[in-house]
Amino acid sequence: MRNNDKGELMHSRRDVFGVNFHDFMTKEQKDSSFELASEFGISLREVKNLKKHLNRS
């Protein structure tokens, strides 16, 4: 099985999309989705997925 740097990085961080949930939750309340996407360097779709994930837990 192949092992690459990206896979190792994603498994070691334990964050979804490379975003820290605690930072995301605090900024989610005051920033728009576009501001969150630009702040964390992710797409708007990934922001929506994170919000859905947080509402489920």
C-alpha atoms as a PDB file:
ATOM      1  CA  MET A   1       0.000   0.000   0.000  1.00  0.00           C
ATOM      2  CA  ARG A   2       1.319   3.429  -0.861  1.00  0.00           C
ATOM      3  CA  ASN A   3       1.869   6.021   1.804  1.00  0.00           C
ATOM      4  CA  ASN A   4       2.260   9.691   0.958  1.00  0.00           C
ATOM      5  CA  ASP A   5       2.819  12.926   2.870  1.00  0.00           C
ATOM      6  CA  LYS A   6      -0.738  14.189   2.416  1.00  0.00           C
ATOM      7  CA  GLY A   7      -2.229  11.011   3.862  1.00  0.00           C
ATOM      8  CA  GLU A   8       0.088  11.078   6.842  1.00  0.00           C
ATOM      9  CA  LEU A   9      -0.688  14.734   7.492  1.00  0.00           C
ATOM     10  CA  MET A  10      -4.434  14.200   7.415  1.00  0.00           C
ATOM     11  CA  HIS A  11      -4.319  11.196   9.730  1.00  0.00           C
ATOM     12  CA  SER A  12      -2.047  12.846  12.250  1.00  0.00           C
ATOM     13  CA  ARG A  13      -4.025  16.110  12.645  1.00  0.00           C
ATOM     14  CA  ARG A  14      -7.462  14.601  13.358  1.00  0.00           C
ATOM     15  CA  ASP A  15      -9.173  17.737  12.044  1.00  0.00           C
ATOM     16  CA  VAL A  16     -11.799  17.714   9.327  1.00  0.00           C
ATOM     17  CA  PHE A  17     -10.549  19.564   6.237  1.00  0.00           C
ATOM     18  CA  GLY A  18      -7.521  20.617   8.277  1.00  0.00           C
ATOM     19  CA  VAL A  19      -9.639  22.990  10.396  1.00  0.00           C
ATOM     20  CA  ASN A  20      -9.569  23.095  14.185  1.00  0.00           C
ATOM     21  CA  PHE A  21     -13.172  22.711  15.422  1.00  0.00           C
ATOM     22  CA  HIS A  22     -12.692  24.979  18.427  1.00  0.00           C
ATOM     23  CA  ASP A  23     -11.492  27.883  16.287  1.00  0.00           C
ATOM     24  CA  PHE A  24     -14.238  27.212  13.751  1.00  0.00           C
ATOM     25  CA  MET A  25     -16.983  27.196  16.394  1.00  0.00           C
ATOM     26  CA  THR A  26     -15.897  30.489  17.947  1.00  0.00           C
ATOM     27  CA  LYS A  27     -15.576  32.245  14.600  1.00  0.00           C
ATOM     28  CA  GLU A  28     -18.746  30.657  13.180  1.00  0.00           C
ATOM     29  CA  GLN A  29     -20.955  32.741  15.446  1.00  0.00           C
ATOM     30  CA  LYS A  30     -19.642  36.103  14.291  1.00  0.00           C
ATOM     31  CA  ASP A  31     -18.366  35.571  10.715  1.00  0.00           C
ATOM     32  CA  SER A  32     -20.177  34.774   7.468  1.00  0.00           C
ATOM     33  CA  SER A  33     -19.528  31.586   5.517  1.00  0.00           C
ATOM     34  CA  PHE A  34     -17.404  33.471   2.994  1.00  0.00           C
ATOM     35  CA  GLU A  35     -15.250  34.973   5.757  1.00  0.00           C
ATOM     36  CA  LEU A  36     -14.822  31.540   7.362  1.00  0.00           C
ATOM     37  CA  ALA A  37     -13.782  30.014   4.044  1.00  0.00           C
ATOM     38  CA  SER A  38     -11.166  32.678   3.429  1.00  0.00           C
ATOM     39  CA  GLU A  39      -9.927  32.572   7.043  1.00  0.00           C
ATOM     40  CA  PHE A  40      -9.344  28.817   7.073  1.00  0.00           C
ATOM     41  CA  GLY A  41      -8.430  28.437   3.398  1.00  0.00           C
ATOM     42  CA  ILE A  42     -11.288  26.080   2.541  1.00  0.00           C
ATOM     43  CA  SER A  43     -14.169  26.236   0.064  1.00  0.00           C
ATOM     44  CA  LEU A  44     -17.724  27.380   0.827  1.00  0.00           C
ATOM     45  CA  ARG A  45     -18.921  23.787   0.361  1.00  0.00           C
ATOM     46  CA  GLU A  46     -16.499  22.625   3.047  1.00  0.00           C
ATOM     47  CA  VAL A  47     -17.780  25.368   5.394  1.00  0.00           C
ATOM     48  CA  LYS A  48     -21.338  24.094   4.880  1.00  0.00           C
ATOM     49  CA  ASN A  49     -20.198  20.510   5.521  1.00  0.00           C
ATOM     50  CA  LEU A  50     -18.459  21.559   8.740  1.00  0.00           C
ATOM     51  CA  LYS A  51     -21.574  23.363   9.944  1.00  0.00           C
ATOM     52  CA  LYS A  52     -23.674  20.260   9.234  1.00  0.00           C
ATOM     53  CA  HIS A  53     -21.145  18.094  11.059  1.00  0.00           C
ATOM     54  CA  LEU A  54     -21.194  20.390  14.113  1.00  0.00           C
ATOM     55  CA  ASN A  55     -25.013  20.391  14.244  1.00  0.00           C
ATOM     56  CA  ARG A  56     -25.100  16.585  14.289  1.00  0.00           C
ATOM     57  CA  SER A  57     -22.823  16.200  17.284  1.00  0.00           C
END
